[in-house]
N, C-alpha and C. Protein backbone atom coordinates (compact mmCIF):
# COMPACT_ATOMS: atom_id res chain seq x y z
N MET A 1 80.53 93.71 89.06
CA MET A 1 81.68 93.55 89.94
C MET A 1 82.26 92.17 89.71
N ARG A 2 83.58 92.11 89.70
CA ARG A 2 84.23 90.81 89.53
C ARG A 2 85.14 90.50 90.70
N TYR A 3 85.21 89.24 90.99
CA TYR A 3 86.15 88.72 91.98
C TYR A 3 87.11 87.80 91.24
N HIS A 4 88.33 87.69 91.74
CA HIS A 4 89.37 86.96 91.01
C HIS A 4 90.17 86.07 91.95
N SER A 5 90.67 84.98 91.41
CA SER A 5 91.68 84.18 92.09
C SER A 5 92.88 84.12 91.15
N HIS A 6 94.07 84.33 91.71
CA HIS A 6 95.29 84.37 90.90
C HIS A 6 96.29 83.34 91.42
N PHE A 7 96.97 82.69 90.50
CA PHE A 7 97.92 81.64 90.84
C PHE A 7 99.31 82.04 90.34
N PHE A 8 100.29 81.98 91.23
CA PHE A 8 101.66 82.35 90.90
C PHE A 8 102.60 81.20 91.24
N ARG A 9 103.63 81.00 90.40
CA ARG A 9 104.69 80.06 90.77
C ARG A 9 105.58 80.76 91.79
N THR A 10 105.77 80.13 92.91
CA THR A 10 106.52 80.80 93.98
C THR A 10 107.97 81.06 93.60
N GLN A 11 108.55 80.26 92.72
CA GLN A 11 109.95 80.48 92.33
C GLN A 11 110.13 81.79 91.56
N GLN A 12 109.05 82.34 90.99
CA GLN A 12 109.12 83.60 90.26
C GLN A 12 108.49 84.75 91.03
N PHE A 13 108.00 84.48 92.23
CA PHE A 13 107.22 85.46 92.97
C PHE A 13 108.12 86.43 93.73
N ASN A 14 107.75 87.71 93.71
CA ASN A 14 108.52 88.72 94.42
C ASN A 14 108.00 88.83 95.85
N PHE A 15 108.68 88.19 96.79
CA PHE A 15 108.24 88.17 98.17
C PHE A 15 108.61 89.44 98.94
N ASP A 16 109.51 90.24 98.39
CA ASP A 16 110.04 91.39 99.13
C ASP A 16 109.66 92.73 98.51
N TRP A 17 108.38 92.89 98.15
CA TRP A 17 107.95 94.16 97.60
C TRP A 17 108.24 95.28 98.58
N LYS A 18 108.68 96.40 98.06
CA LYS A 18 108.95 97.54 98.94
C LYS A 18 107.67 98.01 99.64
N LEU A 19 106.56 98.00 98.91
CA LEU A 19 105.31 98.51 99.48
C LEU A 19 104.85 97.65 100.66
N THR A 20 104.89 96.33 100.52
CA THR A 20 104.44 95.48 101.63
C THR A 20 105.42 95.56 102.80
N THR A 21 106.70 95.59 102.49
CA THR A 21 107.71 95.67 103.55
C THR A 21 107.60 97.01 104.28
N ARG A 22 107.45 98.09 103.52
CA ARG A 22 107.30 99.42 104.11
C ARG A 22 106.03 99.50 104.95
N SER A 23 104.96 98.86 104.49
CA SER A 23 103.71 98.84 105.24
C SER A 23 103.88 98.12 106.57
N ALA A 24 104.60 97.00 106.55
CA ALA A 24 104.82 96.25 107.79
C ALA A 24 105.61 97.09 108.78
N GLU A 25 106.62 97.81 108.30
CA GLU A 25 107.42 98.67 109.18
C GLU A 25 106.55 99.80 109.74
N MET A 26 105.71 100.41 108.91
CA MET A 26 104.86 101.52 109.34
C MET A 26 103.84 101.05 110.39
N VAL A 27 103.24 99.90 110.15
CA VAL A 27 102.26 99.36 111.09
C VAL A 27 102.89 99.18 112.47
N ARG A 28 104.09 98.66 112.49
CA ARG A 28 104.78 98.45 113.77
C ARG A 28 105.15 99.78 114.43
N ARG A 29 105.56 100.76 113.63
CA ARG A 29 105.87 102.09 114.18
C ARG A 29 104.65 102.76 114.78
N LYS A 30 103.47 102.45 114.24
CA LYS A 30 102.23 103.05 114.74
C LYS A 30 101.68 102.31 115.97
N GLY A 31 102.43 101.30 116.44
CA GLY A 31 102.04 100.60 117.66
C GLY A 31 101.27 99.32 117.46
N TYR A 32 101.11 98.90 116.22
CA TYR A 32 100.42 97.64 115.94
C TYR A 32 101.44 96.50 115.90
N SER A 33 100.95 95.29 116.06
CA SER A 33 101.82 94.13 115.91
C SER A 33 101.10 93.08 115.08
N ILE A 34 101.86 92.23 114.43
CA ILE A 34 101.31 91.14 113.62
C ILE A 34 101.81 89.85 114.24
N VAL A 35 100.86 88.98 114.58
CA VAL A 35 101.20 87.74 115.29
C VAL A 35 100.47 86.57 114.64
N PRO A 36 100.96 85.33 114.85
CA PRO A 36 100.22 84.17 114.35
C PRO A 36 98.81 84.13 114.94
N LEU A 37 97.84 83.82 114.11
CA LEU A 37 96.44 83.83 114.53
C LEU A 37 96.04 82.58 115.30
N LEU A 38 96.53 81.41 114.89
CA LEU A 38 96.04 80.16 115.46
C LEU A 38 96.15 80.06 116.98
N PRO A 39 97.27 80.49 117.59
CA PRO A 39 97.34 80.38 119.06
C PRO A 39 96.28 81.21 119.79
N LEU A 40 95.72 82.19 119.12
CA LEU A 40 94.71 83.06 119.74
C LEU A 40 93.30 82.51 119.62
N LEU A 41 93.12 81.53 118.71
CA LEU A 41 91.76 81.09 118.39
C LEU A 41 91.04 80.50 119.60
N GLY A 42 89.85 80.95 119.80
CA GLY A 42 88.95 80.53 120.85
C GLY A 42 87.66 81.27 120.63
N PRO A 43 86.64 81.04 121.44
CA PRO A 43 85.34 81.68 121.22
C PRO A 43 85.40 83.21 121.17
N GLN A 44 86.16 83.84 122.08
CA GLN A 44 86.22 85.30 122.08
C GLN A 44 86.93 85.84 120.85
N THR A 45 88.01 85.17 120.45
CA THR A 45 88.73 85.60 119.24
C THR A 45 87.85 85.44 118.01
N LEU A 46 87.15 84.31 117.91
CA LEU A 46 86.27 84.10 116.75
C LEU A 46 85.17 85.15 116.70
N ALA A 47 84.64 85.53 117.87
CA ALA A 47 83.62 86.57 117.91
C ALA A 47 84.19 87.89 117.40
N ARG A 48 85.43 88.21 117.78
CA ARG A 48 86.06 89.45 117.31
C ARG A 48 86.35 89.38 115.81
N LEU A 49 86.83 88.24 115.32
CA LEU A 49 87.09 88.09 113.89
C LEU A 49 85.80 88.27 113.09
N HIS A 50 84.72 87.72 113.60
CA HIS A 50 83.42 87.85 112.93
C HIS A 50 83.01 89.32 112.88
N GLU A 51 83.20 90.03 113.99
CA GLU A 51 82.87 91.45 114.07
C GLU A 51 83.70 92.27 113.07
N VAL A 52 85.00 92.00 113.03
CA VAL A 52 85.88 92.72 112.10
C VAL A 52 85.48 92.42 110.65
N THR A 53 85.17 91.17 110.38
CA THR A 53 84.79 90.77 109.01
C THR A 53 83.53 91.50 108.56
N LEU A 54 82.51 91.53 109.42
CA LEU A 54 81.26 92.21 109.06
C LEU A 54 81.50 93.70 108.81
N ALA A 55 82.33 94.32 109.65
CA ALA A 55 82.62 95.76 109.49
C ALA A 55 83.44 96.02 108.23
N ALA A 56 84.44 95.18 107.97
CA ALA A 56 85.34 95.40 106.84
C ALA A 56 84.67 95.17 105.49
N PHE A 57 83.79 94.19 105.42
CA PHE A 57 83.19 93.83 104.14
C PHE A 57 81.79 94.41 103.92
N GLU A 58 81.30 95.16 104.88
CA GLU A 58 79.93 95.67 104.84
C GLU A 58 79.59 96.37 103.51
N GLY A 59 80.51 97.15 102.99
CA GLY A 59 80.25 97.90 101.76
C GLY A 59 80.57 97.15 100.48
N ASN A 60 81.05 95.91 100.58
CA ASN A 60 81.41 95.15 99.37
C ASN A 60 80.17 94.79 98.56
N PHE A 61 80.37 94.77 97.27
CA PHE A 61 79.29 94.47 96.33
C PHE A 61 78.66 93.11 96.65
N LEU A 62 77.35 93.09 96.87
CA LEU A 62 76.56 91.89 97.15
C LEU A 62 77.02 91.15 98.41
N PHE A 63 77.64 91.86 99.35
CA PHE A 63 78.07 91.21 100.58
C PHE A 63 76.86 90.73 101.37
N GLU A 64 76.89 89.48 101.75
CA GLU A 64 75.84 88.90 102.59
C GLU A 64 76.51 88.38 103.86
N PRO A 65 76.22 89.00 105.01
CA PRO A 65 76.86 88.54 106.24
C PRO A 65 76.41 87.12 106.60
N ILE A 66 77.34 86.34 107.15
CA ILE A 66 76.98 85.01 107.60
C ILE A 66 76.88 85.03 109.12
N ASP A 67 76.09 84.12 109.64
CA ASP A 67 75.89 84.06 111.08
C ASP A 67 77.17 83.56 111.76
N PHE A 68 77.26 83.79 113.05
CA PHE A 68 78.46 83.45 113.80
C PHE A 68 78.76 81.95 113.77
N GLY A 69 77.75 81.12 113.83
CA GLY A 69 77.96 79.67 113.80
C GLY A 69 78.63 79.21 112.50
N SER A 70 78.15 79.73 111.37
CA SER A 70 78.74 79.38 110.07
C SER A 70 80.17 79.91 109.98
N PHE A 71 80.36 81.15 110.44
CA PHE A 71 81.70 81.75 110.42
C PHE A 71 82.68 80.91 111.25
N SER A 72 82.26 80.51 112.43
CA SER A 72 83.12 79.71 113.32
C SER A 72 83.49 78.37 112.71
N SER A 73 82.54 77.77 111.99
CA SER A 73 82.83 76.46 111.39
C SER A 73 83.86 76.57 110.27
N ILE A 74 83.95 77.74 109.64
CA ILE A 74 84.94 77.95 108.58
C ILE A 74 86.29 78.34 109.15
N TYR A 75 86.31 79.36 110.00
CA TYR A 75 87.57 79.94 110.46
C TYR A 75 88.09 79.36 111.78
N GLY A 76 87.25 78.65 112.50
CA GLY A 76 87.68 78.16 113.81
C GLY A 76 87.80 76.66 113.89
N ASN A 77 87.66 75.97 112.78
CA ASN A 77 87.68 74.51 112.79
C ASN A 77 89.11 74.00 112.70
N LYS A 78 89.71 73.73 113.86
CA LYS A 78 91.09 73.25 113.89
C LYS A 78 91.21 71.82 113.41
N ASP A 79 90.08 71.09 113.35
CA ASP A 79 90.10 69.69 112.93
C ASP A 79 89.76 69.51 111.46
N SER A 80 89.79 70.60 110.69
CA SER A 80 89.39 70.53 109.28
C SER A 80 90.44 69.86 108.40
N GLY A 81 91.65 69.72 108.91
CA GLY A 81 92.73 69.17 108.11
C GLY A 81 93.47 70.23 107.32
N ILE A 82 93.02 71.48 107.42
CA ILE A 82 93.69 72.58 106.73
C ILE A 82 94.77 73.15 107.65
N ASP A 83 95.97 73.31 107.11
CA ASP A 83 97.07 73.90 107.86
C ASP A 83 97.00 75.41 107.73
N ALA A 84 96.35 76.06 108.70
CA ALA A 84 96.14 77.51 108.65
C ALA A 84 97.21 78.26 109.44
N SER A 85 98.38 77.66 109.58
CA SER A 85 99.45 78.29 110.36
C SER A 85 100.00 79.55 109.70
N LEU A 86 99.67 79.79 108.44
CA LEU A 86 100.09 81.02 107.77
C LEU A 86 99.24 82.22 108.19
N SER A 87 98.11 81.98 108.82
CA SER A 87 97.18 83.05 109.20
C SER A 87 97.81 83.97 110.24
N ARG A 88 97.47 85.26 110.14
CA ARG A 88 98.03 86.28 111.02
C ARG A 88 96.94 87.20 111.54
N ALA A 89 97.19 87.78 112.73
CA ALA A 89 96.28 88.77 113.31
C ALA A 89 97.01 90.10 113.46
N LEU A 90 96.29 91.18 113.24
CA LEU A 90 96.80 92.53 113.46
C LEU A 90 96.26 93.00 114.81
N LEU A 91 97.16 93.30 115.74
CA LEU A 91 96.76 93.72 117.08
C LEU A 91 97.10 95.18 117.31
N ASP A 92 96.21 95.90 118.02
CA ASP A 92 96.54 97.27 118.39
C ASP A 92 97.38 97.26 119.67
N GLU A 93 97.64 98.45 120.20
CA GLU A 93 98.52 98.57 121.36
C GLU A 93 98.00 97.81 122.57
N SER A 94 96.68 97.66 122.68
CA SER A 94 96.07 96.97 123.82
C SER A 94 95.95 95.46 123.61
N GLY A 95 96.34 94.99 122.42
CA GLY A 95 96.23 93.57 122.11
C GLY A 95 94.91 93.18 121.49
N ARG A 96 94.09 94.16 121.12
CA ARG A 96 92.81 93.88 120.48
C ARG A 96 93.01 93.60 118.99
N ILE A 97 92.33 92.59 118.49
CA ILE A 97 92.44 92.25 117.06
C ILE A 97 91.75 93.32 116.23
N MET A 98 92.52 93.90 115.29
CA MET A 98 91.99 94.94 114.42
C MET A 98 91.98 94.51 112.95
N GLY A 99 92.42 93.30 112.69
CA GLY A 99 92.42 92.78 111.34
C GLY A 99 93.04 91.40 111.33
N TYR A 100 92.91 90.73 110.20
CA TYR A 100 93.52 89.40 110.10
C TYR A 100 93.65 89.00 108.64
N VAL A 101 94.51 88.05 108.43
CA VAL A 101 94.60 87.37 107.14
C VAL A 101 94.44 85.89 107.43
N TYR A 102 93.50 85.25 106.72
CA TYR A 102 93.33 83.81 106.85
C TYR A 102 94.04 83.18 105.66
N ALA A 103 95.12 82.51 105.93
CA ALA A 103 95.93 81.89 104.88
C ALA A 103 96.27 80.47 105.30
N PHE A 104 96.40 79.61 104.33
CA PHE A 104 96.67 78.21 104.68
C PHE A 104 97.51 77.53 103.61
N ARG A 105 98.08 76.41 104.03
CA ARG A 105 98.83 75.57 103.09
C ARG A 105 98.01 74.32 102.83
N GLN A 106 97.94 73.97 101.56
CA GLN A 106 97.27 72.74 101.17
C GLN A 106 98.06 72.11 100.04
N ASP A 107 98.71 71.00 100.34
CA ASP A 107 99.56 70.31 99.38
C ASP A 107 100.62 71.27 98.83
N ALA A 108 100.66 71.47 97.51
CA ALA A 108 101.69 72.32 96.90
C ALA A 108 101.26 73.77 96.80
N PHE A 109 100.20 74.15 97.52
CA PHE A 109 99.65 75.49 97.42
C PHE A 109 99.71 76.22 98.76
N ALA A 110 100.06 77.50 98.70
CA ALA A 110 99.87 78.42 99.83
C ALA A 110 98.78 79.38 99.38
N VAL A 111 97.73 79.50 100.16
CA VAL A 111 96.54 80.25 99.74
C VAL A 111 96.23 81.38 100.71
N ILE A 112 96.08 82.58 100.18
CA ILE A 112 95.53 83.68 100.96
C ILE A 112 94.05 83.74 100.62
N LYS A 113 93.20 83.40 101.60
CA LYS A 113 91.77 83.34 101.36
C LYS A 113 91.05 84.63 101.74
N THR A 114 91.38 85.17 102.93
CA THR A 114 90.66 86.34 103.42
C THR A 114 91.64 87.33 104.04
N ILE A 115 91.50 88.59 103.69
CA ILE A 115 92.23 89.66 104.37
C ILE A 115 91.19 90.71 104.73
N CYS A 116 91.12 91.08 105.98
CA CYS A 116 90.25 92.21 106.32
C CYS A 116 90.80 92.96 107.53
N VAL A 117 90.56 94.26 107.50
CA VAL A 117 91.04 95.17 108.54
C VAL A 117 89.87 96.02 108.99
N ASP A 118 89.75 96.20 110.29
CA ASP A 118 88.67 97.00 110.84
C ASP A 118 88.74 98.42 110.26
N PRO A 119 87.62 98.96 109.78
CA PRO A 119 87.62 100.32 109.22
C PRO A 119 88.15 101.37 110.19
N ILE A 120 88.10 101.11 111.48
CA ILE A 120 88.63 102.04 112.48
C ILE A 120 90.12 102.31 112.23
N VAL A 121 90.85 101.29 111.78
CA VAL A 121 92.29 101.45 111.51
C VAL A 121 92.48 102.48 110.40
N MET A 122 91.67 102.39 109.35
CA MET A 122 91.81 103.33 108.24
C MET A 122 91.38 104.73 108.65
N LYS A 123 90.33 104.83 109.46
CA LYS A 123 89.88 106.15 109.93
C LYS A 123 90.95 106.80 110.80
N ARG A 124 91.60 105.99 111.60
CA ARG A 124 92.60 106.52 112.53
C ARG A 124 93.89 106.92 111.82
N LEU A 125 94.32 106.10 110.88
CA LEU A 125 95.64 106.31 110.27
C LEU A 125 95.60 106.74 108.82
N GLY A 126 94.45 106.66 108.17
CA GLY A 126 94.39 107.01 106.76
C GLY A 126 94.97 105.91 105.89
N SER A 127 94.96 106.12 104.59
CA SER A 127 95.46 105.08 103.68
C SER A 127 96.86 105.39 103.20
N GLY A 128 97.12 106.61 102.77
CA GLY A 128 98.47 107.03 102.39
C GLY A 128 99.26 106.03 101.59
N LEU A 129 100.54 105.91 101.90
CA LEU A 129 101.44 105.01 101.18
C LEU A 129 101.62 103.69 101.89
N TRP A 130 100.80 103.43 102.89
CA TRP A 130 100.91 102.15 103.57
C TRP A 130 99.53 101.55 103.71
N SER A 131 99.49 100.31 104.02
CA SER A 131 98.22 99.62 104.18
C SER A 131 98.40 98.50 105.20
N ALA A 132 97.47 98.39 106.13
CA ALA A 132 97.52 97.29 107.09
C ALA A 132 97.35 95.95 106.37
N SER A 133 96.57 95.95 105.27
CA SER A 133 96.41 94.72 104.48
C SER A 133 97.75 94.29 103.89
N TYR A 134 98.50 95.27 103.35
CA TYR A 134 99.81 94.96 102.78
C TYR A 134 100.75 94.43 103.85
N ALA A 135 100.65 95.00 105.06
CA ALA A 135 101.52 94.55 106.16
C ALA A 135 101.23 93.10 106.50
N LEU A 136 99.96 92.73 106.52
CA LEU A 136 99.60 91.34 106.79
C LEU A 136 100.13 90.42 105.69
N VAL A 137 100.01 90.87 104.44
CA VAL A 137 100.53 90.08 103.31
C VAL A 137 102.05 89.91 103.44
N ALA A 138 102.75 90.97 103.85
CA ALA A 138 104.20 90.89 104.00
C ALA A 138 104.58 89.79 104.98
N ASP A 139 103.84 89.67 106.08
CA ASP A 139 104.14 88.66 107.07
C ASP A 139 103.87 87.25 106.53
N VAL A 140 102.78 87.10 105.77
CA VAL A 140 102.48 85.81 105.15
C VAL A 140 103.57 85.46 104.13
N ASN A 141 104.00 86.48 103.35
CA ASN A 141 105.04 86.24 102.34
C ASN A 141 106.29 85.62 102.94
N ILE A 142 106.69 86.10 104.11
CA ILE A 142 107.89 85.58 104.77
C ILE A 142 107.74 84.08 105.03
N GLU A 143 106.56 83.70 105.52
CA GLU A 143 106.33 82.29 105.84
C GLU A 143 106.19 81.43 104.58
N VAL A 144 105.52 81.96 103.56
CA VAL A 144 105.36 81.19 102.31
C VAL A 144 106.72 80.94 101.68
N LYS A 145 107.58 81.93 101.71
CA LYS A 145 108.91 81.78 101.14
C LYS A 145 109.67 80.65 101.84
N LYS A 146 109.54 80.56 103.16
CA LYS A 146 110.20 79.49 103.92
C LYS A 146 109.67 78.12 103.55
N LEU A 147 108.38 78.03 103.22
CA LEU A 147 107.76 76.74 102.92
C LEU A 147 108.30 76.11 101.64
N GLY A 148 108.60 76.95 100.65
CA GLY A 148 109.09 76.43 99.38
C GLY A 148 108.03 75.69 98.59
N VAL A 149 106.75 76.04 98.78
CA VAL A 149 105.68 75.40 98.01
C VAL A 149 105.77 75.87 96.56
N ASP A 150 105.14 75.12 95.67
CA ASP A 150 105.21 75.43 94.24
C ASP A 150 104.33 76.61 93.82
N TRP A 151 103.17 76.76 94.47
CA TRP A 151 102.18 77.74 94.02
C TRP A 151 101.74 78.64 95.17
N TYR A 152 101.48 79.88 94.81
CA TYR A 152 100.97 80.88 95.75
C TYR A 152 99.66 81.38 95.15
N VAL A 153 98.57 81.34 95.91
CA VAL A 153 97.26 81.68 95.38
C VAL A 153 96.66 82.85 96.16
N SER A 154 96.23 83.86 95.44
CA SER A 154 95.46 84.96 96.01
C SER A 154 94.02 84.71 95.60
N ALA A 155 93.17 84.34 96.56
CA ALA A 155 91.83 83.86 96.23
C ALA A 155 90.75 84.90 96.47
N LEU A 156 89.80 84.96 95.54
CA LEU A 156 88.58 85.75 95.69
C LEU A 156 88.80 87.18 96.13
N THR A 157 89.60 87.91 95.37
CA THR A 157 89.78 89.34 95.65
C THR A 157 88.88 90.14 94.71
N ALA A 158 88.33 91.21 95.24
CA ALA A 158 87.41 92.04 94.45
C ALA A 158 88.18 93.00 93.57
N ASP A 159 87.52 93.49 92.52
CA ASP A 159 88.12 94.43 91.58
C ASP A 159 88.83 95.59 92.28
N ASP A 160 88.15 96.15 93.30
CA ASP A 160 88.68 97.36 93.92
C ASP A 160 89.38 97.10 95.26
N ALA A 161 89.65 95.86 95.59
CA ALA A 161 90.27 95.53 96.88
C ALA A 161 91.75 95.85 96.88
N SER A 162 92.25 96.31 98.03
CA SER A 162 93.68 96.60 98.13
C SER A 162 94.49 95.32 97.96
N SER A 163 93.90 94.17 98.30
CA SER A 163 94.62 92.91 98.15
C SER A 163 94.83 92.53 96.68
N ARG A 164 94.19 93.28 95.76
CA ARG A 164 94.44 93.05 94.33
C ARG A 164 95.85 93.50 93.96
N PHE A 165 96.50 94.17 94.90
CA PHE A 165 97.88 94.59 94.69
C PHE A 165 98.75 93.41 94.28
N MET A 166 98.50 92.27 94.87
CA MET A 166 99.28 91.07 94.57
C MET A 166 99.20 90.76 93.07
N ALA A 167 98.00 90.81 92.53
CA ALA A 167 97.81 90.51 91.11
C ALA A 167 98.37 91.63 90.23
N LYS A 168 98.19 92.87 90.66
CA LYS A 168 98.67 94.01 89.87
C LYS A 168 100.20 94.03 89.80
N ALA A 169 100.82 93.82 90.95
CA ALA A 169 102.28 93.90 91.01
C ALA A 169 102.96 92.73 90.32
N CYS A 170 102.27 91.60 90.29
CA CYS A 170 102.89 90.40 89.69
C CYS A 170 102.12 89.92 88.48
N GLY A 171 101.48 90.84 87.77
CA GLY A 171 100.67 90.47 86.62
C GLY A 171 101.39 89.61 85.61
N LYS A 172 102.67 89.91 85.36
CA LYS A 172 103.43 89.13 84.38
C LYS A 172 103.72 87.72 84.87
N LEU A 173 103.69 87.55 86.19
CA LEU A 173 103.99 86.24 86.76
C LEU A 173 102.74 85.39 86.96
N ASN A 174 101.60 86.01 86.73
CA ASN A 174 100.33 85.33 86.97
C ASN A 174 100.18 84.16 85.99
N ASP A 175 100.29 82.95 86.50
CA ASP A 175 100.23 81.78 85.64
C ASP A 175 98.80 81.41 85.24
N PHE A 176 97.88 81.72 86.12
CA PHE A 176 96.49 81.35 85.86
C PHE A 176 95.60 82.24 86.71
N SER A 177 94.47 82.64 86.18
CA SER A 177 93.52 83.39 86.99
C SER A 177 92.11 82.93 86.65
N HIS A 178 91.24 83.14 87.59
CA HIS A 178 89.85 82.79 87.39
C HIS A 178 89.01 83.97 87.86
N SER A 179 88.06 84.39 87.06
CA SER A 179 87.20 85.52 87.42
C SER A 179 85.78 85.04 87.69
N TYR A 180 85.16 85.68 88.67
CA TYR A 180 83.79 85.37 89.03
C TYR A 180 83.00 86.66 88.86
N ALA A 181 81.97 86.66 88.05
CA ALA A 181 81.16 87.86 87.83
C ALA A 181 79.91 87.79 88.70
N LEU A 182 79.65 88.87 89.41
CA LEU A 182 78.43 88.95 90.22
C LEU A 182 77.54 90.04 89.65
N TYR A 183 76.27 89.74 89.55
CA TYR A 183 75.34 90.69 88.96
C TYR A 183 74.17 90.94 89.90
N VAL A 184 73.62 92.13 89.82
CA VAL A 184 72.40 92.45 90.56
C VAL A 184 71.26 92.50 89.56
N ARG A 185 70.15 91.83 89.90
CA ARG A 185 68.95 91.92 89.07
C ARG A 185 67.90 92.67 89.85
N ARG A 186 67.24 93.56 89.19
CA ARG A 186 66.19 94.34 89.83
C ARG A 186 64.85 93.64 89.61
N PHE A 187 64.06 93.60 90.66
CA PHE A 187 62.73 92.98 90.56
C PHE A 187 61.68 94.08 90.63
N LEU A 188 60.77 94.03 89.68
CA LEU A 188 59.65 94.98 89.65
C LEU A 188 58.36 94.16 89.73
N ASN A 189 57.63 94.32 90.83
CA ASN A 189 56.42 93.51 91.06
C ASN A 189 56.70 92.01 90.95
N GLY A 190 57.85 91.60 91.50
CA GLY A 190 58.18 90.19 91.51
C GLY A 190 58.75 89.65 90.21
N VAL A 191 58.95 90.51 89.21
CA VAL A 191 59.45 90.06 87.91
C VAL A 191 60.85 90.66 87.70
N PRO A 192 61.87 89.82 87.38
CA PRO A 192 63.21 90.37 87.15
C PRO A 192 63.24 91.25 85.92
N THR A 193 63.96 92.39 85.99
CA THR A 193 64.07 93.30 84.84
C THR A 193 65.53 93.43 84.45
């Protein structure tokens, strides 16, 4: 299994993909809303984000869940110096967080680090021609376009992740990419085989 980070020059980037725009419209028609994540951050929100993350990534290759304390120090640290104002939350009709994108600006870069959606959303609505992940990306795209930063980075996406859409759709614009290979080794009586 491979994970990838892709770097795009924002001046050549297609911010208005039909698929992401259509997904954002569909999500809203189904009663969901996409809102800035930072104003919601607090202990209860972080607990819900941790829960969604564990559920969304549970089946990922070599996924190792992190404890709540470690998760909070990464995603809830407002004093880290990282401008995470690009981050968004997906809310259901009751206002419960059902997914999020953690995105931030750092110098000349806008970075999408994490996108995850509660599997309940997919069970309820199916995958079809829309995706809650794409809808979250569409909202981030709007903000990145306003920033006018030089680079847009899609970080650590898995081979089979829906967020790889960014790399697939803009493959010709991909200025640089980095791949990370993960391997499983089998141990037999304590000896790797």
